[in-house]
N, C-alpha and C. Protein backbone atom coordinates (compact mmCIF):
# COMPACT_ATOMS: atom_id res chain seq x y z
N UNK A 1 -114.93 186.19 213.47
CA UNK A 1 -115.43 187.20 212.96
C UNK A 1 -116.20 186.63 211.37
N UNK A 2 -117.70 186.34 210.74
CA UNK A 2 -117.60 185.62 209.53
C UNK A 2 -118.07 186.59 208.85
N UNK A 3 -118.62 185.50 207.78
CA UNK A 3 -119.41 186.70 206.30
C UNK A 3 -120.56 187.38 206.29
N UNK A 4 -119.91 188.65 206.38
CA UNK A 4 -121.69 189.32 205.96
C UNK A 4 -122.14 189.07 204.56
N UNK A 5 -123.78 189.44 204.72
CA UNK A 5 -124.00 188.78 203.55
C UNK A 5 -123.42 189.91 202.23
N UNK A 6 -122.91 190.81 202.15
CA UNK A 6 -122.50 191.48 201.29
C UNK A 6 -121.63 191.29 201.09
N UNK A 7 -120.36 190.82 201.85
CA UNK A 7 -119.45 190.33 201.56
C UNK A 7 -119.65 189.04 201.06
N UNK A 8 -120.65 188.22 201.08
CA UNK A 8 -120.84 187.28 200.10
C UNK A 8 -121.37 187.26 198.52
N UNK A 9 -122.26 188.31 198.91
CA UNK A 9 -122.75 188.92 197.59
C UNK A 9 -121.74 189.38 196.61
N UNK A 10 -120.81 190.07 197.14
CA UNK A 10 -119.72 190.69 196.65
C UNK A 10 -118.60 189.87 195.72
N UNK A 11 -118.21 188.72 196.24
CA UNK A 11 -117.47 187.46 195.67
C UNK A 11 -118.09 187.03 195.11
N UNK A 12 -119.38 186.72 195.01
CA UNK A 12 -120.31 185.94 193.99
C UNK A 12 -120.40 186.82 192.79
N UNK A 13 -120.48 188.36 192.97
CA UNK A 13 -120.46 189.12 191.50
C UNK A 13 -118.94 189.57 191.33
N UNK A 14 -117.90 189.37 192.20
CA UNK A 14 -116.31 189.20 191.32
C UNK A 14 -116.36 188.31 190.31
N UNK A 15 -116.52 186.81 190.92
CA UNK A 15 -116.62 185.58 190.69
C UNK A 15 -117.10 184.78 189.29
N UNK A 16 -118.31 186.24 189.28
CA UNK A 16 -119.36 185.68 187.85
C UNK A 16 -119.02 186.00 186.72
N UNK A 17 -118.31 187.52 187.59
CA UNK A 17 -117.41 188.18 186.59
C UNK A 17 -116.39 188.02 185.73
N UNK A 18 -115.85 187.29 186.79
CA UNK A 18 -114.39 186.88 186.15
C UNK A 18 -114.41 185.84 185.41
N UNK A 19 -115.52 185.22 185.82
CA UNK A 19 -115.40 183.34 184.94
C UNK A 19 -116.14 184.20 183.46
N UNK A 20 -116.72 184.64 183.03
CA UNK A 20 -117.45 185.58 181.83
C UNK A 20 -116.48 186.10 181.32
N UNK A 21 -115.32 186.97 182.11
CA UNK A 21 -114.39 187.33 180.98
C UNK A 21 -113.22 186.14 181.27
N UNK A 22 -113.92 184.91 181.77
CA UNK A 22 -112.34 184.06 181.34
C UNK A 22 -112.74 183.06 180.64
N UNK A 23 -111.71 182.49 178.82
CA UNK A 23 -112.11 181.71 177.69
C UNK A 23 -111.88 180.29 178.83
N UNK A 24 -112.31 179.30 178.79
CA UNK A 24 -112.18 178.16 179.51
C UNK A 24 -110.87 177.30 178.78
N UNK A 25 -110.07 176.58 179.53
CA UNK A 25 -108.69 176.30 178.79
C UNK A 25 -108.68 175.05 177.91
N UNK A 26 -110.14 174.33 178.00
CA UNK A 26 -110.49 173.24 177.08
C UNK A 26 -110.59 173.92 176.08
N UNK A 27 -111.41 175.03 176.21
CA UNK A 27 -111.95 175.59 174.85
C UNK A 27 -110.75 176.01 174.12
N UNK A 28 -109.62 176.83 174.61
CA UNK A 28 -108.59 177.14 173.83
C UNK A 28 -107.95 176.08 173.06
N UNK A 29 -107.68 175.27 173.90
CA UNK A 29 -106.49 173.83 173.67
C UNK A 29 -107.61 173.38 172.36
N UNK A 30 -109.55 173.18 172.55
CA UNK A 30 -109.50 172.41 171.40
C UNK A 30 -109.38 173.01 169.68
N UNK A 31 -109.55 174.50 170.14
CA UNK A 31 -109.69 175.52 168.75
C UNK A 31 -108.68 175.11 168.19
N UNK A 32 -107.58 174.89 168.94
CA UNK A 32 -105.74 175.25 168.77
C UNK A 32 -105.47 174.00 168.24
N UNK A 33 -105.91 173.21 168.72
CA UNK A 33 -105.84 171.56 168.13
C UNK A 33 -106.21 171.80 166.76
N UNK A 34 -107.64 172.56 166.77
CA UNK A 34 -108.71 171.98 165.34
C UNK A 34 -107.90 173.03 164.48
N UNK A 35 -107.22 173.94 164.69
CA UNK A 35 -106.48 174.94 163.86
C UNK A 35 -107.01 175.94 163.63
N UNK A 36 -107.36 176.32 163.67
CA UNK A 36 -109.14 176.96 163.63
C UNK A 36 -109.59 177.76 165.01
N UNK A 37 -109.36 179.46 165.18
CA UNK A 37 -110.23 179.87 166.27
C UNK A 37 -109.77 181.32 166.01
N UNK A 38 -111.11 181.18 166.17
CA UNK A 38 -111.63 182.83 166.13
C UNK A 38 -111.53 184.01 166.97
N UNK A 39 -109.90 183.88 167.93
CA UNK A 39 -109.93 185.11 169.19
C UNK A 39 -108.42 185.20 168.33
N UNK A 40 -107.90 186.27 168.66
CA UNK A 40 -106.66 186.40 169.03
C UNK A 40 -105.69 185.59 169.85
N UNK A 41 -104.59 184.84 170.14
CA UNK A 41 -103.90 184.30 170.86
C UNK A 41 -102.88 185.46 171.11
N UNK A 42 -102.68 185.67 172.35
CA UNK A 42 -101.15 186.92 172.09
C UNK A 42 -100.12 185.47 173.39
N UNK A 43 -99.11 185.44 172.90
CA UNK A 43 -97.97 185.09 173.50
C UNK A 43 -97.45 186.21 174.39
N UNK A 44 -97.60 185.95 175.72
CA UNK A 44 -97.05 187.04 176.91
C UNK A 44 -95.31 187.08 176.96
N UNK A 45 -94.96 185.68 176.18
CA UNK A 45 -93.71 185.69 176.72
C UNK A 45 -92.18 186.57 176.20
N UNK A 46 -91.54 186.46 176.72
CA UNK A 46 -90.29 187.43 175.95
C UNK A 46 -90.15 186.96 174.60
N UNK A 47 -89.96 187.87 173.63
CA UNK A 47 -89.28 188.09 172.33
C UNK A 47 -88.45 186.41 171.88
N UNK A 48 -87.55 186.42 173.15
CA UNK A 48 -86.79 184.99 172.57
C UNK A 48 -87.47 184.59 172.91
N UNK A 49 -88.32 183.59 173.60
CA UNK A 49 -89.09 182.54 173.84
C UNK A 49 -89.94 182.49 172.77
N UNK A 50 -91.20 183.14 172.34
CA UNK A 50 -91.13 183.29 170.75
C UNK A 50 -90.49 182.83 170.04
N UNK A 51 -89.43 183.26 169.65
CA UNK A 51 -88.53 182.94 168.36
C UNK A 51 -88.13 181.27 168.90
N UNK A 52 -87.81 180.91 169.45
CA UNK A 52 -87.54 180.00 169.92
C UNK A 52 -88.80 178.72 169.87
N UNK A 53 -90.01 179.19 169.85
CA UNK A 53 -91.01 178.28 169.65
C UNK A 53 -92.40 178.87 170.37
N UNK A 54 -93.31 178.60 169.33
CA UNK A 54 -94.48 179.19 170.13
C UNK A 54 -95.57 178.40 169.07
N UNK A 55 -96.98 178.71 169.63
CA UNK A 55 -98.34 178.09 169.23
C UNK A 55 -98.47 178.34 167.57
N UNK A 56 -98.60 178.01 166.90
CA UNK A 56 -99.42 178.59 165.19
C UNK A 56 -100.31 178.96 165.77
N UNK A 57 -100.01 180.74 164.91
CA UNK A 57 -101.23 181.34 164.71
C UNK A 57 -101.50 182.67 166.16
N UNK A 58 -100.33 182.56 166.95
CA UNK A 58 -100.48 183.03 167.99
C UNK A 58 -99.89 184.49 167.48
N UNK A 59 -99.88 185.35 168.15
CA UNK A 59 -99.20 186.72 167.95
C UNK A 59 -98.11 186.88 169.52
N UNK A 60 -96.99 187.55 169.19
CA UNK A 60 -95.48 187.98 170.13
C UNK A 60 -96.31 189.49 170.58
N UNK A 61 -96.67 189.25 171.96
CA UNK A 61 -96.91 190.72 172.65
C UNK A 61 -96.61 190.36 174.04
N UNK A 62 -94.74 190.61 174.31
CA UNK A 62 -94.49 190.14 175.55
C UNK A 62 -95.11 191.08 176.68
N UNK A 63 -94.70 191.06 177.54
CA UNK A 63 -95.51 191.48 178.83
C UNK A 63 -95.06 193.05 179.23
N UNK A 64 -93.64 193.05 178.79
CA UNK A 64 -93.66 194.16 179.12
C UNK A 64 -93.82 195.36 178.18
N UNK A 65 -93.99 195.04 176.58
CA UNK A 65 -94.48 195.43 175.97
C UNK A 65 -96.08 195.52 175.41
N UNK A 66 -96.28 195.24 176.35
CA UNK A 66 -98.33 194.80 176.47
C UNK A 66 -99.01 196.41 176.19
N UNK A 67 -98.29 197.32 176.78
CA UNK A 67 -98.90 198.96 177.06
C UNK A 67 -98.55 199.61 175.75
N UNK A 68 -97.96 199.19 174.79
CA UNK A 68 -97.46 199.34 173.65
C UNK A 68 -98.42 198.76 172.65
N UNK A 69 -98.74 197.21 172.80
CA UNK A 69 -99.49 197.08 171.94
C UNK A 69 -100.60 196.72 171.92
N UNK A 70 -101.07 196.83 173.47
CA UNK A 70 -102.48 197.16 173.08
C UNK A 70 -103.51 198.10 172.57
N UNK A 71 -102.78 199.12 172.18
CA UNK A 71 -103.70 199.86 171.53
C UNK A 71 -103.70 199.23 170.06
N UNK A 72 -103.03 198.49 169.47
CA UNK A 72 -103.03 197.97 168.06
C UNK A 72 -103.65 196.99 168.00
N UNK A 73 -104.33 196.57 169.30
CA UNK A 73 -104.89 195.13 168.68
C UNK A 73 -106.45 195.70 168.69
N UNK A 74 -107.15 194.46 167.57
CA UNK A 74 -108.46 194.54 167.02
C UNK A 74 -109.31 195.01 168.14
N UNK A 75 -109.98 195.76 168.08
CA UNK A 75 -111.57 195.75 169.09
C UNK A 75 -112.61 195.06 168.76
N UNK A 76 -112.88 194.42 167.84
CA UNK A 76 -113.50 193.60 167.65
C UNK A 76 -113.72 191.99 167.97
N UNK A 77 -112.26 191.64 168.61
CA UNK A 77 -112.23 189.93 168.47
C UNK A 77 -111.42 189.92 170.04
N UNK A 78 -112.43 188.58 170.23
CA UNK A 78 -111.74 188.28 171.93
C UNK A 78 -110.56 188.49 171.91
N UNK A 79 -109.70 188.64 172.57
CA UNK A 79 -108.26 187.87 173.00
C UNK A 79 -107.87 187.14 174.02
N UNK A 80 -107.18 186.17 174.07
CA UNK A 80 -106.42 185.15 174.64
C UNK A 80 -104.87 185.42 175.23
N UNK A 81 -104.99 184.86 176.72
CA UNK A 81 -103.49 185.27 176.38
C UNK A 81 -102.67 183.91 177.00
N UNK A 82 -101.52 184.16 176.69
CA UNK A 82 -100.99 182.77 177.34
C UNK A 82 -99.01 183.32 177.49
N UNK A 83 -98.91 182.48 178.35
CA UNK A 83 -96.87 182.73 178.53
C UNK A 83 -96.58 180.96 179.12
N UNK A 84 -95.68 181.33 179.33
CA UNK A 84 -95.13 179.74 180.25
C UNK A 84 -96.16 178.70 181.19
N UNK A 85 -96.35 177.80 180.37
CA UNK A 85 -97.19 176.64 180.71
C UNK A 85 -96.40 175.67 181.65
N UNK A 86 -96.87 174.87 182.83
CA UNK A 86 -95.94 174.20 183.52
C UNK A 86 -97.21 172.61 183.55
N UNK A 87 -97.76 172.11 182.73
CA UNK A 87 -98.49 171.71 182.90
C UNK A 87 -97.79 170.08 182.58
């Protein structure tokens, strides 16, 4: 069974929207390295991990607390999240 034209179009639409909502990793890294970024960087790891070390300028917002944190976030700034990295 192959892909129908409507399946293909639905996938294109999905990925177009996903790419528009996703900030590229290199863009985020460059901004962090320059020490100046115009977005809110949320560290979604547990508080203990954040206390141990985090990216300068990041806000602590553990994934388990996101429902509580989200209403307090500014609505006029882009939000970028990060958690454990495996580079």
